[in-house]
Amino acid sequence: MPHTSSAKKHLRQTEKRNARNRAAKKSIKLQIKSFLAAVTAGDSAKLQTEYNLAAKKLDRAAARRMIHPNLAARKKSQLARQMAAKPAAAKA
């Protein structure tokens, strides 16, 4: 446990940051899950909106350094590939 007042303040700040980061990461994971649900459902309009929301959340978290920017880019690429493959499979 911290003893000095500055160490106590630092602990409070760290706990706030951890809670904020954890909430943002959870929100991203939930959005990706809803995107994957839309992929299995096959609704192209809902699929596009879910992708846009997921990409927006990933970009915002990367800009704030909650996640690494390369992770955000990689996830967006994976989601875009799934989105592009879904209509092609339906046409074939």
PDB file of N, CA and C in Angstrom:
ATOM      1  N   MET A   1       0.832  -1.186   0.000  1.00  0.00           N
ATOM      2  CA  MET A   1       0.000   0.000   0.000  1.00  0.00           C
ATOM      3  C   MET A   1       0.877   1.249   0.000  1.00  0.00           C
ATOM      4  N   PRO A   2       0.430   2.273  -0.702  1.00  0.00           N
ATOM      5  CA  PRO A   2       1.214   3.507  -0.745  1.00  0.00           C
ATOM      6  C   PRO A   2       1.170   4.246   0.594  1.00  0.00           C
ATOM      7  N   HIS A   3       2.263   4.920   0.884  1.00  0.00           N
ATOM      8  CA  HIS A   3       2.348   5.660   2.149  1.00  0.00           C
ATOM      9  C   HIS A   3       2.270   7.164   1.935  1.00  0.00           C
ATOM     10  N   THR A   4       2.956   7.651   0.914  1.00  0.00           N
ATOM     11  CA  THR A   4       2.967   9.100   0.695  1.00  0.00           C
ATOM     12  C   THR A   4       1.703   9.524  -0.036  1.00  0.00           C
ATOM     13  N   SER A   5       1.388  10.802   0.087  1.00  0.00           N
ATOM     14  CA  SER A   5       0.161  11.305  -0.548  1.00  0.00           C
ATOM     15  C   SER A   5       0.254  11.238  -2.063  1.00  0.00           C
ATOM     16  N   SER A   6       1.459  11.475  -2.608  1.00  0.00           N
ATOM     17  CA  SER A   6       1.597  11.414  -4.064  1.00  0.00           C
ATOM     18  C   SER A   6       1.450   9.981  -4.566  1.00  0.00           C
ATOM     19  N   ALA A   7       1.930   9.009  -3.782  1.00  0.00           N
ATOM     20  CA  ALA A   7       1.776   7.611  -4.171  1.00  0.00           C
ATOM     21  C   ALA A   7       0.310   7.190  -4.088  1.00  0.00           C
ATOM     22  N   LYS A   8      -0.412   7.726  -3.104  1.00  0.00           N
ATOM     23  CA  LYS A   8      -1.838   7.417  -2.994  1.00  0.00           C
ATOM     24  C   LYS A   8      -2.600   7.980  -4.184  1.00  0.00           C
ATOM     25  N   LYS A   9      -2.234   9.199  -4.575  1.00  0.00           N
ATOM     26  CA  LYS A   9      -2.879   9.815  -5.729  1.00  0.00           C
ATOM     27  C   LYS A   9      -2.581   9.004  -6.988  1.00  0.00           C
ATOM     28  N   HIS A  10      -1.340   8.578  -7.137  1.00  0.00           N
ATOM     29  CA  HIS A  10      -0.959   7.785  -8.302  1.00  0.00           C
ATOM     30  C   HIS A  10      -1.757   6.477  -8.360  1.00  0.00           C
ATOM     31  N   LEU A  11      -1.988   5.853  -7.225  1.00  0.00           N
ATOM     32  CA  LEU A  11      -2.781   4.631  -7.157  1.00  0.00           C
ATOM     33  C   LEU A  11      -4.221   4.900  -7.596  1.00  0.00           C
ATOM     34  N   ARG A  12      -4.791   6.025  -7.131  1.00  0.00           N
ATOM     35  CA  ARG A  12      -6.163   6.369  -7.546  1.00  0.00           C
ATOM     36  C   ARG A  12      -6.233   6.574  -9.056  1.00  0.00           C
ATOM     37  N   GLN A  13      -5.241   7.275  -9.614  1.00  0.00           N
ATOM     38  CA  GLN A  13      -5.222   7.522 -11.052  1.00  0.00           C
ATOM     39  C   GLN A  13      -5.094   6.213 -11.829  1.00  0.00           C
ATOM     40  N   THR A  14      -4.250   5.321 -11.342  1.00  0.00           N
ATOM     41  CA  THR A  14      -4.043   4.040 -12.004  1.00  0.00           C
ATOM     42  C   THR A  14      -5.325   3.216 -12.014  1.00  0.00           C
ATOM     43  N   GLU A  15      -6.034   3.212 -10.887  1.00  0.00           N
ATOM     44  CA  GLU A  15      -7.284   2.462 -10.823  1.00  0.00           C
ATOM     45  C   GLU A  15      -8.321   3.017 -11.783  1.00  0.00           C
ATOM     46  N   LYS A  16      -8.388   4.345 -11.901  1.00  0.00           N
ATOM     47  CA  LYS A  16      -9.320   4.960 -12.851  1.00  0.00           C
ATOM     48  C   LYS A  16      -8.966   4.581 -14.279  1.00  0.00           C
ATOM     49  N   ARG A  17      -7.678   4.657 -14.618  1.00  0.00           N
ATOM     50  CA  ARG A  17      -7.236   4.322 -15.968  1.00  0.00           C
ATOM     51  C   ARG A  17      -7.517   2.859 -16.296  1.00  0.00           C
ATOM     52  N   ASN A  18      -7.228   1.986 -15.322  1.00  0.00           N
ATOM     53  CA  ASN A  18      -7.470   0.565 -15.546  1.00  0.00           C
ATOM     54  C   ASN A  18      -8.946   0.290 -15.806  1.00  0.00           C
ATOM     55  N   ALA A  19      -9.812   0.925 -15.037  1.00  0.00           N
ATOM     56  CA  ALA A  19     -11.246   0.733 -15.223  1.00  0.00           C
ATOM     57  C   ALA A  19     -11.693   1.241 -16.589  1.00  0.00           C
ATOM     58  N   ARG A  20     -11.178   2.401 -16.993  1.00  0.00           N
ATOM     59  CA  ARG A  20     -11.540   2.974 -18.282  1.00  0.00           C
ATOM     60  C   ARG A  20     -11.062   2.094 -19.429  1.00  0.00           C
ATOM     61  N   ASN A  21      -9.823   1.623 -19.331  1.00  0.00           N
ATOM     62  CA  ASN A  21      -9.263   0.775 -20.384  1.00  0.00           C
ATOM     63  C   ASN A  21     -10.004  -0.555 -20.461  1.00  0.00           C
ATOM     64  N   ARG A  22     -10.321  -1.125 -19.294  1.00  0.00           N
ATOM     65  CA  ARG A  22     -11.028  -2.399 -19.272  1.00  0.00           C
ATOM     66  C   ARG A  22     -12.412  -2.260 -19.903  1.00  0.00           C
ATOM     67  N   ALA A  23     -13.098  -1.161 -19.617  1.00  0.00           N
ATOM     68  CA  ALA A  23     -14.426  -0.927 -20.187  1.00  0.00           C
ATOM     69  C   ALA A  23     -14.347  -0.762 -21.702  1.00  0.00           C
ATOM     70  N   ALA A  24     -13.330  -0.064 -22.176  1.00  0.00           N
ATOM     71  CA  ALA A  24     -13.180   0.142 -23.618  1.00  0.00           C
ATOM     72  C   ALA A  24     -12.886  -1.174 -24.328  1.00  0.00           C
ATOM     73  N   LYS A  25     -12.016  -1.991 -23.748  1.00  0.00           N
ATOM     74  CA  LYS A  25     -11.685  -3.269 -24.364  1.00  0.00           C
ATOM     75  C   LYS A  25     -12.889  -4.200 -24.367  1.00  0.00           C
ATOM     76  N   LYS A  26     -13.666  -4.176 -23.303  1.00  0.00           N
ATOM     77  CA  LYS A  26     -14.877  -4.997 -23.236  1.00  0.00           C
ATOM     78  C   LYS A  26     -15.874  -4.547 -24.295  1.00  0.00           C
ATOM     79  N   SER A  27     -15.998  -3.248 -24.479  1.00  0.00           N
ATOM     80  CA  SER A  27     -16.907  -2.707 -25.484  1.00  0.00           C
ATOM     81  C   SER A  27     -16.496  -3.143 -26.892  1.00  0.00           C
ATOM     82  N   ILE A  28     -15.191  -3.143 -27.147  1.00  0.00           N
ATOM     83  CA  ILE A  28     -14.695  -3.584 -28.453  1.00  0.00           C
ATOM     84  C   ILE A  28     -15.012  -5.063 -28.669  1.00  0.00           C
ATOM     85  N   LYS A  29     -14.763  -5.871 -27.647  1.00  0.00           N
ATOM     86  CA  LYS A  29     -15.024  -7.311 -27.769  1.00  0.00           C
ATOM     87  C   LYS A  29     -16.505  -7.589 -28.017  1.00  0.00           C
ATOM     88  N   LEU A  30     -17.383  -6.864 -27.327  1.00  0.00           N
ATOM     89  CA  LEU A  30     -18.813  -7.052 -27.527  1.00  0.00           C
ATOM     90  C   LEU A  30     -19.229  -6.629 -28.939  1.00  0.00           C
ATOM     91  N   GLN A  31     -18.637  -5.556 -29.436  1.00  0.00           N
ATOM     92  CA  GLN A  31     -18.969  -5.096 -30.779  1.00  0.00           C
ATOM     93  C   GLN A  31     -18.512  -6.108 -31.823  1.00  0.00           C
ATOM     94  N   ILE A  32     -17.342  -6.691 -31.628  1.00  0.00           N
ATOM     95  CA  ILE A  32     -16.849  -7.704 -32.563  1.00  0.00           C
ATOM     96  C   ILE A  32     -17.753  -8.929 -32.526  1.00  0.00           C
ATOM     97  N   LYS A  33     -18.229  -9.301 -31.332  1.00  0.00           N
ATOM     98  CA  LYS A  33     -19.143 -10.438 -31.227  1.00  0.00           C
ATOM     99  C   LYS A  33     -20.446 -10.160 -31.957  1.00  0.00           C
ATOM    100  N   SER A  34     -20.956  -8.943 -31.861  1.00  0.00           N
ATOM    101  CA  SER A  34     -22.192  -8.619 -32.573  1.00  0.00           C
ATOM    102  C   SER A  34     -21.959  -8.607 -34.076  1.00  0.00           C
ATOM    103  N   PHE A  35     -20.753  -8.212 -34.506  1.00  0.00           N
ATOM    104  CA  PHE A  35     -20.409  -8.280 -35.930  1.00  0.00           C
ATOM    105  C   PHE A  35     -20.403  -9.734 -36.399  1.00  0.00           C
ATOM    106  N   LEU A  36     -19.794 -10.606 -35.599  1.00  0.00           N
ATOM    107  CA  LEU A  36     -19.736 -12.017 -35.974  1.00  0.00           C
ATOM    108  C   LEU A  36     -21.123 -12.646 -35.997  1.00  0.00           C
ATOM    109  N   ALA A  37     -22.010 -12.191 -35.109  1.00  0.00           N
ATOM    110  CA  ALA A  37     -23.391 -12.666 -35.133  1.00  0.00           C
ATOM    111  C   ALA A  37     -24.090 -12.223 -36.415  1.00  0.00           C
ATOM    112  N   ALA A  38     -23.791 -11.003 -36.858  1.00  0.00           N
ATOM    113  CA  ALA A  38     -24.373 -10.503 -38.105  1.00  0.00           C
ATOM    114  C   ALA A  38     -23.819 -11.278 -39.299  1.00  0.00           C
ATOM    115  N   VAL A  39     -22.566 -11.716 -39.220  1.00  0.00           N
ATOM    116  CA  VAL A  39     -21.981 -12.517 -40.297  1.00  0.00           C
ATOM    117  C   VAL A  39     -22.731 -13.836 -40.419  1.00  0.00           C
ATOM    118  N   THR A  40     -23.000 -14.476 -39.297  1.00  0.00           N
ATOM    119  CA  THR A  40     -23.713 -15.755 -39.343  1.00  0.00           C
ATOM    120  C   THR A  40     -25.170 -15.567 -39.757  1.00  0.00           C
ATOM    121  N   ALA A  41     -25.772 -14.432 -39.394  1.00  0.00           N
ATOM    122  CA  ALA A  41     -27.155 -14.168 -39.774  1.00  0.00           C
ATOM    123  C   ALA A  41     -27.276 -13.901 -41.269  1.00  0.00           C
ATOM    124  N   GLY A  42     -26.279 -13.236 -41.844  1.00  0.00           N
ATOM    125  CA  GLY A  42     -26.284 -13.004 -43.283  1.00  0.00           C
ATOM    126  C   GLY A  42     -26.974 -11.730 -43.734  1.00  0.00           C
ATOM    127  N   ASP A  43     -27.352 -10.862 -42.838  1.00  0.00           N
ATOM    128  CA  ASP A  43     -27.997  -9.601 -43.194  1.00  0.00           C
ATOM    129  C   ASP A  43     -26.914  -8.598 -43.587  1.00  0.00           C
ATOM    130  N   SER A  44     -26.849  -8.255 -44.872  1.00  0.00           N
ATOM    131  CA  SER A  44     -25.745  -7.422 -45.363  1.00  0.00           C
ATOM    132  C   SER A  44     -25.821  -5.987 -44.839  1.00  0.00           C
ATOM    133  N   ALA A  45     -27.020  -5.445 -44.674  1.00  0.00           N
ATOM    134  CA  ALA A  45     -27.144  -4.077 -44.161  1.00  0.00           C
ATOM    135  C   ALA A  45     -26.682  -4.007 -42.704  1.00  0.00           C
ATOM    136  N   LYS A  46     -27.116  -4.971 -41.909  1.00  0.00           N
ATOM    137  CA  LYS A  46     -26.713  -5.003 -40.504  1.00  0.00           C
ATOM    138  C   LYS A  46     -25.221  -5.286 -40.405  1.00  0.00           C
ATOM    139  N   LEU A  47     -24.724  -6.110 -41.306  1.00  0.00           N
ATOM    140  CA  LEU A  47     -23.302  -6.451 -41.322  1.00  0.00           C
ATOM    141  C   LEU A  47     -22.450  -5.201 -41.528  1.00  0.00           C
ATOM    142  N   GLN A  48     -22.847  -4.354 -42.459  1.00  0.00           N
ATOM    143  CA  GLN A  48     -22.088  -3.134 -42.743  1.00  0.00           C
ATOM    144  C   GLN A  48     -22.107  -2.174 -41.552  1.00  0.00           C
ATOM    145  N   THR A  49     -23.266  -2.018 -40.924  1.00  0.00           N
ATOM    146  CA  THR A  49     -23.339  -1.108 -39.774  1.00  0.00           C
ATOM    147  C   THR A  49     -22.524  -1.639 -38.598  1.00  0.00           C
ATOM    148  N   GLU A  50     -22.576  -2.950 -38.380  1.00  0.00           N
ATOM    149  CA  GLU A  50     -21.796  -3.542 -37.283  1.00  0.00           C
ATOM    150  C   GLU A  50     -20.300  -3.396 -37.552  1.00  0.00           C
ATOM    151  N   TYR A  51     -19.894  -3.554 -38.804  1.00  0.00           N
ATOM    152  CA  TYR A  51     -18.477  -3.372 -39.140  1.00  0.00           C
ATOM    153  C   TYR A  51     -18.046  -1.929 -38.897  1.00  0.00           C
ATOM    154  N   ASN A  52     -18.888  -0.979 -39.323  1.00  0.00           N
ATOM    155  CA  ASN A  52     -18.552   0.434 -39.137  1.00  0.00           C
ATOM    156  C   ASN A  52     -18.400   0.782 -37.658  1.00  0.00           C
ATOM    157  N   LEU A  53     -19.292   0.263 -36.824  1.00  0.00           N
ATOM    158  CA  LEU A  53     -19.201   0.527 -35.387  1.00  0.00           C
ATOM    159  C   LEU A  53     -17.946  -0.105 -34.787  1.00  0.00           C
ATOM    160  N   ALA A  54     -17.640  -1.331 -35.209  1.00  0.00           N
ATOM    161  CA  ALA A  54     -16.455  -2.013 -34.687  1.00  0.00           C
ATOM    162  C   ALA A  54     -15.187  -1.272 -35.101  1.00  0.00           C
ATOM    163  N   ALA A  55     -15.119  -0.844 -36.358  1.00  0.00           N
ATOM    164  CA  ALA A  55     -13.942  -0.122 -36.845  1.00  0.00           C
ATOM    165  C   ALA A  55     -13.782   1.203 -36.108  1.00  0.00           C
ATOM    166  N   LYS A  56     -14.900   1.870 -35.851  1.00  0.00           N
ATOM    167  CA  LYS A  56     -14.855   3.142 -35.139  1.00  0.00           C
ATOM    168  C   LYS A  56     -14.321   2.960 -33.719  1.00  0.00           C
ATOM    169  N   LYS A  57     -14.806   1.923 -33.035  1.00  0.00           N
ATOM    170  CA  LYS A  57     -14.348   1.676 -31.667  1.00  0.00           C
ATOM    171  C   LYS A  57     -12.873   1.280 -31.649  1.00  0.00           C
ATOM    172  N   LEU A  58     -12.458   0.474 -32.618  1.00  0.00           N
ATOM    173  CA  LEU A  58     -11.053   0.079 -32.692  1.00  0.00           C
ATOM    174  C   LEU A  58     -10.163   1.292 -32.945  1.00  0.00           C
ATOM    175  N   ASP A  59     -10.570   2.145 -33.876  1.00  0.00           N
ATOM    176  CA  ASP A  59      -9.774   3.335 -34.188  1.00  0.00           C
ATOM    177  C   ASP A  59      -9.668   4.274 -32.995  1.00  0.00           C
ATOM    178  N   ARG A  60     -10.777   4.454 -32.283  1.00  0.00           N
ATOM    179  CA  ARG A  60     -10.773   5.355 -31.137  1.00  0.00           C
ATOM    180  C   ARG A  60      -9.877   4.818 -30.023  1.00  0.00           C
ATOM    181  N   ALA A  61      -9.944   3.517 -29.783  1.00  0.00           N
ATOM    182  CA  ALA A  61      -9.098   2.917 -28.745  1.00  0.00           C
ATOM    183  C   ALA A  61      -7.625   2.985 -29.136  1.00  0.00           C
ATOM    184  N   ALA A  62      -7.338   2.821 -30.429  1.00  0.00           N
ATOM    185  CA  ALA A  62      -5.950   2.898 -30.887  1.00  0.00           C
ATOM    186  C   ALA A  62      -5.423   4.329 -30.795  1.00  0.00           C
ATOM    187  N   ALA A  63      -6.275   5.293 -31.102  1.00  0.00           N
ATOM    188  CA  ALA A  63      -5.854   6.689 -31.022  1.00  0.00           C
ATOM    189  C   ALA A  63      -5.538   7.085 -29.587  1.00  0.00           C
ATOM    190  N   ARG A  64      -6.274   6.506 -28.647  1.00  0.00           N
ATOM    191  CA  ARG A  64      -6.041   6.804 -27.232  1.00  0.00           C
ATOM    192  C   ARG A  64      -5.012   5.865 -26.608  1.00  0.00           C
ATOM    193  N   ARG A  65      -4.436   4.994 -27.424  1.00  0.00           N
ATOM    194  CA  ARG A  65      -3.402   4.040 -26.992  1.00  0.00           C
ATOM    195  C   ARG A  65      -3.912   3.046 -25.955  1.00  0.00           C
ATOM    196  N   MET A  66      -5.219   2.770 -25.963  1.00  0.00           N
ATOM    197  CA  MET A  66      -5.753   1.721 -25.100  1.00  0.00           C
ATOM    198  C   MET A  66      -5.380   0.360 -25.652  1.00  0.00           C
ATOM    199  N   ILE A  67      -5.305   0.292 -26.975  1.00  0.00           N
ATOM    200  CA  ILE A  67      -4.794  -0.887 -27.655  1.00  0.00           C
ATOM    201  C   ILE A  67      -3.731  -0.416 -28.642  1.00  0.00           C
ATOM    202  N   HIS A  68      -2.908  -1.335 -29.088  1.00  0.00           N
ATOM    203  CA  HIS A  68      -1.856  -0.970 -30.026  1.00  0.00           C
ATOM    204  C   HIS A  68      -2.483  -0.674 -31.396  1.00  0.00           C
ATOM    205  N   PRO A  69      -2.004   0.333 -32.094  1.00  0.00           N
ATOM    206  CA  PRO A  69      -2.572   0.653 -33.409  1.00  0.00           C
ATOM    207  C   PRO A  69      -2.480  -0.493 -34.408  1.00  0.00           C
ATOM    208  N   ASN A  70      -1.418  -1.286 -34.330  1.00  0.00           N
ATOM    209  CA  ASN A  70      -1.310  -2.434 -35.238  1.00  0.00           C
ATOM    210  C   ASN A  70      -2.381  -3.474 -34.942  1.00  0.00           C
ATOM    211  N   LEU A  71      -2.745  -3.636 -33.679  1.00  0.00           N
ATOM    212  CA  LEU A  71      -3.820  -4.556 -33.312  1.00  0.00           C
ATOM    213  C   LEU A  71      -5.137  -4.086 -33.920  1.00  0.00           C
ATOM    214  N   ALA A  72      -5.394  -2.793 -33.839  1.00  0.00           N
ATOM    215  CA  ALA A  72      -6.623  -2.248 -34.411  1.00  0.00           C
ATOM    216  C   ALA A  72      -6.655  -2.463 -35.921  1.00  0.00           C
ATOM    217  N   ALA A  73      -5.546  -2.207 -36.581  1.00  0.00           N
ATOM    218  CA  ALA A  73      -5.483  -2.388 -38.031  1.00  0.00           C
ATOM    219  C   ALA A  73      -5.673  -3.854 -38.401  1.00  0.00           C
ATOM    220  N   ARG A  74      -5.067  -4.740 -37.634  1.00  0.00           N
ATOM    221  CA  ARG A  74      -5.173  -6.171 -37.909  1.00  0.00           C
ATOM    222  C   ARG A  74      -6.609  -6.655 -37.722  1.00  0.00           C
ATOM    223  N   LYS A  75      -7.255  -6.225 -36.649  1.00  0.00           N
ATOM    224  CA  LYS A  75      -8.641  -6.626 -36.395  1.00  0.00           C
ATOM    225  C   LYS A  75      -9.577  -6.101 -37.484  1.00  0.00           C
ATOM    226  N   LYS A  76      -9.384  -4.843 -37.885  1.00  0.00           N
ATOM    227  CA  LYS A  76     -10.218  -4.273 -38.939  1.00  0.00           C
ATOM    228  C   LYS A  76     -10.047  -5.041 -40.238  1.00  0.00           C
ATOM    229  N   SER A  77      -8.817  -5.436 -40.535  1.00  0.00           N
ATOM    230  CA  SER A  77      -8.546  -6.201 -41.741  1.00  0.00           C
ATOM    231  C   SER A  77      -9.233  -7.565 -41.690  1.00  0.00           C
ATOM    232  N   GLN A  78      -9.162  -8.220 -40.539  1.00  0.00           N
ATOM    233  CA  GLN A  78      -9.800  -9.529 -40.383  1.00  0.00           C
ATOM    234  C   GLN A  78     -11.314  -9.415 -40.548  1.00  0.00           C
ATOM    235  N   LEU A  79     -11.900  -8.396 -39.950  1.00  0.00           N
ATOM    236  CA  LEU A  79     -13.342  -8.211 -40.050  1.00  0.00           C
ATOM    237  C   LEU A  79     -13.752  -7.881 -41.489  1.00  0.00           C
ATOM    238  N   ALA A  80     -12.958  -7.063 -42.159  1.00  0.00           N
ATOM    239  CA  ALA A  80     -13.271  -6.694 -43.543  1.00  0.00           C
ATOM    240  C   ALA A  80     -13.194  -7.908 -44.459  1.00  0.00           C
ATOM    241  N   ARG A  81     -12.217  -8.786 -44.201  1.00  0.00           N
ATOM    242  CA  ARG A  81     -12.114 -10.007 -45.010  1.00  0.00           C
ATOM    243  C   ARG A  81     -13.335 -10.900 -44.803  1.00  0.00           C
ATOM    244  N   GLN A  82     -13.791 -11.006 -43.564  1.00  0.00           N
ATOM    245  CA  GLN A  82     -14.988 -11.810 -43.296  1.00  0.00           C
ATOM    246  C   GLN A  82     -16.213 -11.204 -43.961  1.00  0.00           C
ATOM    247  N   MET A  83     -16.296  -9.877 -43.931  1.00  0.00           N
ATOM    248  CA  MET A  83     -17.422  -9.201 -44.543  1.00  0.00           C
ATOM    249  C   MET A  83     -17.410  -9.380 -46.066  1.00  0.00           C
ATOM    250  N   ALA A  84     -16.235  -9.325 -46.664  1.00  0.00           N
ATOM    251  CA  ALA A  84     -16.137  -9.476 -48.119  1.00  0.00           C
ATOM    252  C   ALA A  84     -16.392 -10.910 -48.547  1.00  0.00           C
ATOM    253  N   ALA A  85     -16.022 -11.867 -47.727  1.00  0.00           N
ATOM    254  CA  ALA A  85     -16.201 -13.268 -48.079  1.00  0.00           C
ATOM    255  C   ALA A  85     -17.657 -13.719 -47.962  1.00  0.00           C
ATOM    256  N   LYS A  86     -18.401 -13.096 -47.091  1.00  0.00           N
ATOM    257  CA  LYS A  86     -19.770 -13.511 -46.839  1.00  0.00           C
ATOM    258  C   LYS A  86     -20.674 -13.332 -48.068  1.00  0.00           C
ATOM    259  N   PRO A  87     -20.713 -12.151 -48.715  1.00  0.00           N
ATOM    260  CA  PRO A  87     -21.561 -12.028 -49.917  1.00  0.00           C
ATOM    261  C   PRO A  87     -21.084 -12.914 -51.066  1.00  0.00           C
ATOM    262  N   ALA A  88     -19.779 -13.145 -51.170  1.00  0.00           N
ATOM    263  CA  ALA A  88     -19.265 -13.997 -52.238  1.00  0.00           C
ATOM    264  C   ALA A  88     -19.739 -15.434 -52.045  1.00  0.00           C
ATOM    265  N   ALA A  89     -19.784 -15.881 -50.800  1.00  0.00           N
ATOM    266  CA  ALA A  89     -20.261 -17.240 -50.529  1.00  0.00           C
ATOM    267  C   ALA A  89     -21.762 -17.358 -50.801  1.00  0.00           C
ATOM    268  N   ALA A  90     -22.504 -16.280 -50.554  1.00  0.00           N
ATOM    269  CA  ALA A  90     -23.947 -16.321 -50.801  1.00  0.00           C
ATOM    270  C   ALA A  90     -24.261 -16.356 -52.299  1.00  0.00           C
ATOM    271  N   LYS A  91     -23.435 -15.681 -53.099  1.00  0.00           N
ATOM    272  CA  LYS A  91     -23.646 -15.654 -54.552  1.00  0.00           C
ATOM    273  C   LYS A  91     -23.303 -16.989 -55.192  1.00  0.00           C
ATOM    274  N   ALA A  92     -22.305 -17.675 -54.645  1.00  0.00           N
ATOM    275  CA  ALA A  92     -21.829 -18.932 -55.238  1.00  0.00           C
ATOM    276  C   ALA A  92     -22.721 -20.115 -54.955  1.00  0.00           C
TER     277      ALA A  92
END
